[in-house]
Amino acid sequence: MKKKLNERAGFTLIEILIALTLLAIAGTFVGLKTMEALHEGKVNSAKIQISNFEAALDDFARDNGRYPKTAEGLDALISNPGSLKNYREGGYLKKDALPVDPWQNEYVYVSADGNKYQIISYGSDGEEGGEGKQADITN
């Protein structure tokens, strides 16, 4: 049996639009999940960096009897902030410069008395405070 020449094989415009819509919805879902995973990875990276700072600060305190003060900052982990007699040669970090947070902002270090300290990353918005994805990350 022969097919008629005017019968067409293929997809209609509506079928193509439905398929494109479904692909767009699936792509949006995958894109959102990827962005969430990327943000979560950056938060975890900041927490790990803060933990590394804490270990170096504990070594600094064992050698020098105190934590660096706010004015000395985290830079005290790389170079002697003054005339500390027991300061470790080469510093307390294995880097020549302080790492920045995953959003390319500097970490904030606060220690008024040299006994307690706080390390802060202002998160994705780079500003103090915030909630959700803009929340600060601290030790």
N, C-alpha and C. Protein backbone atom coordinates (compact mmCIF):
# COMPACT_ATOMS: atom_id res chain seq x y z
N MET A 1 0.84 -1.17 0.00
CA MET A 1 0.00 0.00 0.00
C MET A 1 0.89 1.24 0.00
N LYS A 2 0.62 2.15 -0.88
CA LYS A 2 1.42 3.36 -1.03
C LYS A 2 0.87 4.46 -0.13
N LYS A 3 1.83 5.27 0.40
CA LYS A 3 1.42 6.44 1.19
C LYS A 3 1.11 7.58 0.24
N LYS A 4 0.21 8.38 0.68
CA LYS A 4 -0.10 9.56 -0.11
C LYS A 4 1.03 10.57 0.04
N LEU A 5 1.30 11.31 -1.01
CA LEU A 5 2.37 12.29 -0.98
C LEU A 5 2.09 13.46 -0.05
N ASN A 6 0.86 13.78 0.21
CA ASN A 6 0.55 14.93 1.04
C ASN A 6 0.56 14.60 2.53
N GLU A 7 0.71 13.33 2.91
CA GLU A 7 0.86 12.98 4.32
C GLU A 7 2.29 13.32 4.73
N ARG A 8 2.43 14.02 5.85
CA ARG A 8 3.76 14.46 6.26
C ARG A 8 4.19 13.70 7.51
N ALA A 9 5.43 13.33 7.53
CA ALA A 9 6.01 12.74 8.73
C ALA A 9 6.75 13.85 9.47
N GLY A 10 6.79 13.77 10.80
CA GLY A 10 7.49 14.78 11.57
C GLY A 10 6.64 15.26 12.73
N PHE A 11 7.09 16.37 13.31
CA PHE A 11 6.43 16.91 14.48
C PHE A 11 5.68 18.19 14.13
N THR A 12 4.63 18.41 14.85
CA THR A 12 3.90 19.66 14.66
C THR A 12 4.57 20.75 15.49
N LEU A 13 4.23 21.97 15.22
CA LEU A 13 4.78 23.09 15.96
C LEU A 13 4.44 22.98 17.44
N ILE A 14 3.25 22.56 17.75
CA ILE A 14 2.82 22.41 19.15
C ILE A 14 3.67 21.35 19.85
N GLU A 15 3.93 20.26 19.21
CA GLU A 15 4.75 19.20 19.82
C GLU A 15 6.17 19.71 20.09
N ILE A 16 6.70 20.46 19.16
CA ILE A 16 8.05 21.02 19.35
C ILE A 16 8.06 22.02 20.50
N LEU A 17 7.06 22.87 20.60
CA LEU A 17 6.98 23.84 21.70
C LEU A 17 6.84 23.15 23.04
N ILE A 18 6.06 22.10 23.11
CA ILE A 18 5.91 21.35 24.36
C ILE A 18 7.25 20.73 24.76
N ALA A 19 7.95 20.15 23.82
CA ALA A 19 9.25 19.55 24.11
C ALA A 19 10.25 20.61 24.59
N LEU A 20 10.28 21.77 23.94
CA LEU A 20 11.18 22.84 24.35
C LEU A 20 10.83 23.36 25.74
N THR A 21 9.56 23.45 26.04
CA THR A 21 9.12 23.90 27.37
C THR A 21 9.58 22.92 28.44
N LEU A 22 9.41 21.63 28.18
CA LEU A 22 9.85 20.62 29.15
C LEU A 22 11.36 20.67 29.34
N LEU A 23 12.10 20.86 28.26
CA LEU A 23 13.56 20.98 28.38
C LEU A 23 13.95 22.22 29.18
N ALA A 24 13.26 23.31 28.96
CA ALA A 24 13.55 24.54 29.70
C ALA A 24 13.28 24.35 31.20
N ILE A 25 12.18 23.69 31.53
CA ILE A 25 11.86 23.44 32.94
C ILE A 25 12.92 22.54 33.57
N ALA A 26 13.32 21.50 32.87
CA ALA A 26 14.36 20.60 33.39
C ALA A 26 15.69 21.36 33.55
N GLY A 27 16.02 22.20 32.58
CA GLY A 27 17.26 22.98 32.66
C GLY A 27 17.26 23.95 33.82
N THR A 28 16.12 24.55 34.08
CA THR A 28 16.00 25.47 35.21
C THR A 28 16.21 24.73 36.53
N PHE A 29 15.62 23.57 36.65
CA PHE A 29 15.76 22.77 37.87
C PHE A 29 17.23 22.39 38.09
N VAL A 30 17.89 21.92 37.05
CA VAL A 30 19.30 21.54 37.15
C VAL A 30 20.16 22.77 37.47
N GLY A 31 19.88 23.89 36.84
CA GLY A 31 20.63 25.11 37.10
C GLY A 31 20.50 25.58 38.54
N LEU A 32 19.30 25.53 39.08
CA LEU A 32 19.09 25.95 40.47
C LEU A 32 19.82 25.03 41.44
N LYS A 33 19.76 23.73 41.19
CA LYS A 33 20.45 22.78 42.06
C LYS A 33 21.96 22.99 41.99
N THR A 34 22.46 23.30 40.81
CA THR A 34 23.89 23.55 40.64
C THR A 34 24.31 24.80 41.41
N MET A 35 23.50 25.85 41.33
CA MET A 35 23.82 27.09 42.04
C MET A 35 23.78 26.88 43.56
N GLU A 36 22.81 26.09 44.04
CA GLU A 36 22.75 25.79 45.47
C GLU A 36 23.99 25.03 45.92
N ALA A 37 24.40 24.04 45.12
CA ALA A 37 25.59 23.26 45.45
C ALA A 37 26.84 24.13 45.44
N LEU A 38 26.92 25.06 44.50
CA LEU A 38 28.06 25.97 44.43
C LEU A 38 28.12 26.85 45.68
N HIS A 39 26.98 27.40 46.08
CA HIS A 39 26.95 28.24 47.28
C HIS A 39 27.33 27.43 48.51
N GLU A 40 26.78 26.22 48.63
CA GLU A 40 27.10 25.37 49.78
C GLU A 40 28.59 25.04 49.81
N GLY A 41 29.17 24.81 48.65
CA GLY A 41 30.61 24.54 48.58
C GLY A 41 31.44 25.73 49.04
N LYS A 42 31.01 26.93 48.68
CA LYS A 42 31.73 28.14 49.12
C LYS A 42 31.61 28.32 50.63
N VAL A 43 30.45 28.05 51.19
CA VAL A 43 30.26 28.16 52.64
C VAL A 43 31.17 27.16 53.35
N ASN A 44 31.21 25.92 52.86
CA ASN A 44 32.07 24.91 53.46
C ASN A 44 33.54 25.28 53.34
N SER A 45 33.91 25.86 52.22
CA SER A 45 35.29 26.31 52.03
C SER A 45 35.65 27.40 53.04
N ALA A 46 34.75 28.34 53.26
CA ALA A 46 34.99 29.40 54.25
C ALA A 46 35.15 28.81 55.65
N LYS A 47 34.32 27.83 55.99
CA LYS A 47 34.42 27.19 57.31
C LYS A 47 35.76 26.48 57.48
N ILE A 48 36.23 25.84 56.42
CA ILE A 48 37.52 25.15 56.48
C ILE A 48 38.65 26.16 56.65
N GLN A 49 38.60 27.27 55.91
CA GLN A 49 39.63 28.29 56.05
C GLN A 49 39.63 28.88 57.46
N ILE A 50 38.45 29.12 58.00
CA ILE A 50 38.36 29.64 59.37
C ILE A 50 38.95 28.63 60.35
N SER A 51 38.68 27.36 60.14
CA SER A 51 39.26 26.31 60.99
C SER A 51 40.79 26.30 60.90
N ASN A 52 41.33 26.52 59.70
CA ASN A 52 42.78 26.59 59.55
C ASN A 52 43.35 27.80 60.28
N PHE A 53 42.65 28.92 60.21
CA PHE A 53 43.06 30.10 60.97
C PHE A 53 43.07 29.79 62.47
N GLU A 54 42.04 29.10 62.94
CA GLU A 54 41.96 28.77 64.37
C GLU A 54 43.15 27.95 64.82
N ALA A 55 43.54 26.96 64.02
CA ALA A 55 44.70 26.13 64.38
C ALA A 55 45.97 26.98 64.44
N ALA A 56 46.14 27.85 63.45
CA ALA A 56 47.33 28.72 63.44
C ALA A 56 47.30 29.70 64.60
N LEU A 57 46.12 30.22 64.93
CA LEU A 57 45.99 31.14 66.06
C LEU A 57 46.30 30.45 67.38
N ASP A 58 45.90 29.19 67.51
CA ASP A 58 46.22 28.44 68.73
C ASP A 58 47.73 28.24 68.86
N ASP A 59 48.41 27.96 67.75
CA ASP A 59 49.87 27.85 67.78
C ASP A 59 50.50 29.19 68.17
N PHE A 60 50.00 30.27 67.60
CA PHE A 60 50.48 31.61 67.93
C PHE A 60 50.32 31.86 69.43
N ALA A 61 49.16 31.53 69.99
CA ALA A 61 48.90 31.77 71.42
C ALA A 61 49.79 30.91 72.31
N ARG A 62 50.04 29.66 71.90
CA ARG A 62 50.93 28.81 72.70
C ARG A 62 52.33 29.39 72.77
N ASP A 63 52.79 29.91 71.66
CA ASP A 63 54.15 30.46 71.61
C ASP A 63 54.27 31.82 72.27
N ASN A 64 53.22 32.64 72.17
CA ASN A 64 53.33 34.05 72.58
C ASN A 64 52.46 34.42 73.78
N GLY A 65 51.70 33.49 74.31
CA GLY A 65 50.92 33.74 75.52
C GLY A 65 49.62 34.50 75.29
N ARG A 66 49.29 34.78 74.06
CA ARG A 66 48.05 35.49 73.74
C ARG A 66 47.74 35.35 72.25
N TYR A 67 46.52 35.69 71.90
CA TYR A 67 46.14 35.76 70.49
C TYR A 67 46.49 37.16 69.97
N PRO A 68 46.63 37.31 68.67
CA PRO A 68 46.86 38.66 68.15
C PRO A 68 45.68 39.58 68.48
N LYS A 69 45.98 40.83 68.69
CA LYS A 69 44.92 41.81 68.94
C LYS A 69 44.33 42.27 67.61
N THR A 70 43.20 42.95 67.68
CA THR A 70 42.50 43.37 66.47
C THR A 70 43.42 44.16 65.54
N ALA A 71 44.20 45.08 66.10
CA ALA A 71 45.09 45.91 65.28
C ALA A 71 46.15 45.07 64.57
N GLU A 72 46.58 43.99 65.19
CA GLU A 72 47.58 43.12 64.57
C GLU A 72 46.94 42.23 63.51
N GLY A 73 45.71 41.82 63.77
CA GLY A 73 44.93 41.04 62.82
C GLY A 73 45.53 39.70 62.46
N LEU A 74 44.98 39.11 61.43
CA LEU A 74 45.45 37.81 60.96
C LEU A 74 46.82 37.91 60.30
N ASP A 75 47.25 39.13 59.97
CA ASP A 75 48.59 39.32 59.42
C ASP A 75 49.66 38.84 60.40
N ALA A 76 49.34 38.82 61.69
CA ALA A 76 50.28 38.35 62.71
C ALA A 76 50.62 36.88 62.52
N LEU A 77 49.82 36.16 61.74
CA LEU A 77 50.11 34.76 61.48
C LEU A 77 51.17 34.59 60.39
N ILE A 78 51.46 35.67 59.68
CA ILE A 78 52.43 35.61 58.58
C ILE A 78 53.74 36.31 58.96
N SER A 79 53.64 37.42 59.68
CA SER A 79 54.85 38.13 60.09
C SER A 79 54.69 38.65 61.51
N ASN A 80 55.81 38.74 62.20
CA ASN A 80 55.84 39.18 63.59
C ASN A 80 55.26 40.59 63.69
N PRO A 81 54.20 40.77 64.48
CA PRO A 81 53.56 42.08 64.57
C PRO A 81 54.34 43.09 65.41
N GLY A 82 55.36 42.65 66.03
CA GLY A 82 56.14 43.56 66.88
C GLY A 82 57.43 42.88 67.26
N SER A 83 57.70 42.92 68.51
CA SER A 83 58.93 42.30 68.99
C SER A 83 58.62 41.09 69.87
N LEU A 84 57.74 40.23 69.40
CA LEU A 84 57.42 39.02 70.15
C LEU A 84 58.63 38.10 70.15
N LYS A 85 59.10 37.74 71.34
CA LYS A 85 60.33 36.96 71.47
C LYS A 85 60.16 35.52 71.01
N ASN A 86 59.00 34.95 71.20
CA ASN A 86 58.81 33.54 70.88
C ASN A 86 58.09 33.32 69.55
N TYR A 87 58.06 34.35 68.73
CA TYR A 87 57.38 34.24 67.44
C TYR A 87 58.10 33.21 66.57
N ARG A 88 57.33 32.30 65.99
CA ARG A 88 57.90 31.23 65.17
C ARG A 88 58.49 31.76 63.88
N GLU A 89 59.72 31.36 63.60
CA GLU A 89 60.36 31.79 62.36
C GLU A 89 59.55 31.22 61.17
N GLY A 90 59.22 32.09 60.25
CA GLY A 90 58.42 31.67 59.11
C GLY A 90 56.93 31.86 59.31
N GLY A 91 56.53 32.25 60.49
CA GLY A 91 55.11 32.50 60.75
C GLY A 91 54.31 31.24 61.06
N TYR A 92 53.01 31.38 61.06
CA TYR A 92 52.12 30.29 61.47
C TYR A 92 51.24 29.77 60.35
N LEU A 93 51.34 30.38 59.18
CA LEU A 93 50.63 29.88 58.00
C LEU A 93 51.66 29.54 56.94
N LYS A 94 51.36 28.56 56.13
CA LYS A 94 52.29 28.14 55.09
C LYS A 94 52.08 28.95 53.81
N LYS A 95 51.68 30.18 53.96
CA LYS A 95 51.43 31.03 52.81
C LYS A 95 52.12 32.37 53.02
N ASP A 96 52.41 33.04 51.92
CA ASP A 96 53.02 34.36 52.00
C ASP A 96 51.99 35.46 52.17
N ALA A 97 50.74 35.14 51.88
CA ALA A 97 49.66 36.13 51.99
C ALA A 97 48.44 35.44 52.58
N LEU A 98 47.62 36.23 53.24
CA LEU A 98 46.40 35.68 53.82
C LEU A 98 45.42 35.31 52.71
N PRO A 99 44.79 34.15 52.82
CA PRO A 99 43.77 33.81 51.83
C PRO A 99 42.53 34.67 52.03
N VAL A 100 41.84 34.93 50.95
CA VAL A 100 40.56 35.64 51.03
C VAL A 100 39.45 34.60 51.09
N ASP A 101 38.26 35.05 51.44
CA ASP A 101 37.15 34.11 51.51
C ASP A 101 36.72 33.72 50.09
N PRO A 102 35.85 32.74 49.96
CA PRO A 102 35.45 32.28 48.62
C PRO A 102 34.76 33.33 47.76
N TRP A 103 34.35 34.45 48.34
CA TRP A 103 33.72 35.53 47.58
C TRP A 103 34.72 36.65 47.32
N GLN A 104 36.00 36.36 47.54
CA GLN A 104 37.12 37.27 47.28
C GLN A 104 37.12 38.49 48.20
N ASN A 105 36.61 38.33 49.43
CA ASN A 105 36.66 39.38 50.45
C ASN A 105 37.63 38.94 51.54
N GLU A 106 38.21 39.92 52.23
CA GLU A 106 39.11 39.59 53.33
C GLU A 106 38.30 39.12 54.54
N TYR A 107 38.90 38.22 55.31
CA TYR A 107 38.28 37.80 56.57
C TYR A 107 38.46 38.92 57.58
N VAL A 108 37.50 39.05 58.47
CA VAL A 108 37.55 40.06 59.52
C VAL A 108 37.97 39.35 60.80
N TYR A 109 38.95 39.93 61.49
CA TYR A 109 39.45 39.37 62.74
C TYR A 109 39.25 40.40 63.85
N VAL A 110 38.67 39.95 64.96
CA VAL A 110 38.43 40.84 66.10
C VAL A 110 38.90 40.16 67.38
N SER A 111 39.77 40.84 68.13
CA SER A 111 40.21 40.37 69.44
C SER A 111 40.63 41.58 70.25
N ALA A 112 39.75 42.02 71.11
CA ALA A 112 40.02 43.23 71.89
C ALA A 112 41.11 43.02 72.93
N ASP A 113 41.10 41.85 73.57
CA ASP A 113 42.00 41.65 74.71
C ASP A 113 43.11 40.62 74.47
N GLY A 114 43.10 39.94 73.34
CA GLY A 114 44.11 38.92 73.07
C GLY A 114 43.80 37.59 73.74
N ASN A 115 42.66 37.49 74.43
CA ASN A 115 42.27 36.23 75.08
C ASN A 115 41.21 35.47 74.28
N LYS A 116 40.32 36.20 73.64
CA LYS A 116 39.28 35.62 72.81
C LYS A 116 39.32 36.32 71.46
N TYR A 117 38.82 35.63 70.46
CA TYR A 117 38.81 36.24 69.12
C TYR A 117 37.61 35.76 68.33
N GLN A 118 37.37 36.46 67.24
CA GLN A 118 36.31 36.07 66.32
C GLN A 118 36.82 36.30 64.90
N ILE A 119 36.57 35.32 64.04
CA ILE A 119 36.93 35.42 62.63
C ILE A 119 35.62 35.39 61.85
N ILE A 120 35.47 36.34 60.93
CA ILE A 120 34.19 36.49 60.22
C ILE A 120 34.42 36.60 58.72
N SER A 121 33.61 35.87 57.98
CA SER A 121 33.46 36.11 56.54
C SER A 121 32.06 36.68 56.39
N TYR A 122 31.96 37.81 55.70
CA TYR A 122 30.64 38.43 55.53
C TYR A 122 29.78 37.73 54.49
N GLY A 123 30.25 36.63 53.94
CA GLY A 123 29.43 35.82 53.04
C GLY A 123 29.30 36.41 51.65
N SER A 124 28.29 35.94 50.95
CA SER A 124 28.15 36.27 49.53
C SER A 124 27.86 37.73 49.25
N ASP A 125 27.24 38.44 50.21
CA ASP A 125 26.94 39.86 49.97
C ASP A 125 28.09 40.77 50.39
N GLY A 126 29.07 40.24 51.12
CA GLY A 126 30.23 41.03 51.53
C GLY A 126 29.93 42.10 52.56
N GLU A 127 28.74 42.02 53.18
CA GLU A 127 28.35 43.02 54.17
C GLU A 127 27.98 42.34 55.48
N GLU A 128 28.21 43.06 56.56
CA GLU A 128 27.91 42.52 57.88
C GLU A 128 26.43 42.21 58.02
N GLY A 129 26.16 41.09 58.69
CA GLY A 129 24.77 40.67 58.89
C GLY A 129 24.25 39.90 57.71
N GLY A 130 22.98 39.77 57.64
CA GLY A 130 22.36 39.05 56.54
C GLY A 130 21.76 37.74 57.00
N GLU A 131 20.88 37.23 56.19
CA GLU A 131 20.21 35.97 56.49
C GLU A 131 20.24 35.08 55.27
N GLY A 132 20.04 33.79 55.48
CA GLY A 132 20.00 32.86 54.36
C GLY A 132 21.34 32.80 53.66
N LYS A 133 21.32 32.95 52.35
CA LYS A 133 22.56 32.88 51.56
C LYS A 133 23.48 34.07 51.80
N GLN A 134 22.96 35.14 52.36
CA GLN A 134 23.79 36.32 52.65
C GLN A 134 24.31 36.33 54.09
N ALA A 135 24.09 35.25 54.84
CA ALA A 135 24.47 35.19 56.25
C ALA A 135 25.99 35.20 56.40
N ASP A 136 26.46 35.81 57.49
CA ASP A 136 27.88 35.80 57.83
C ASP A 136 28.28 34.40 58.27
N ILE A 137 29.56 34.09 58.07
CA ILE A 137 30.12 32.80 58.51
C ILE A 137 31.17 33.15 59.53
N THR A 138 31.08 32.53 60.69
CA THR A 138 32.00 32.86 61.78
C THR A 138 32.40 31.61 62.54
N ASN A 139 33.48 31.75 63.33
CA ASN A 139 33.92 30.60 64.14
C ASN A 139 33.08 30.46 65.39
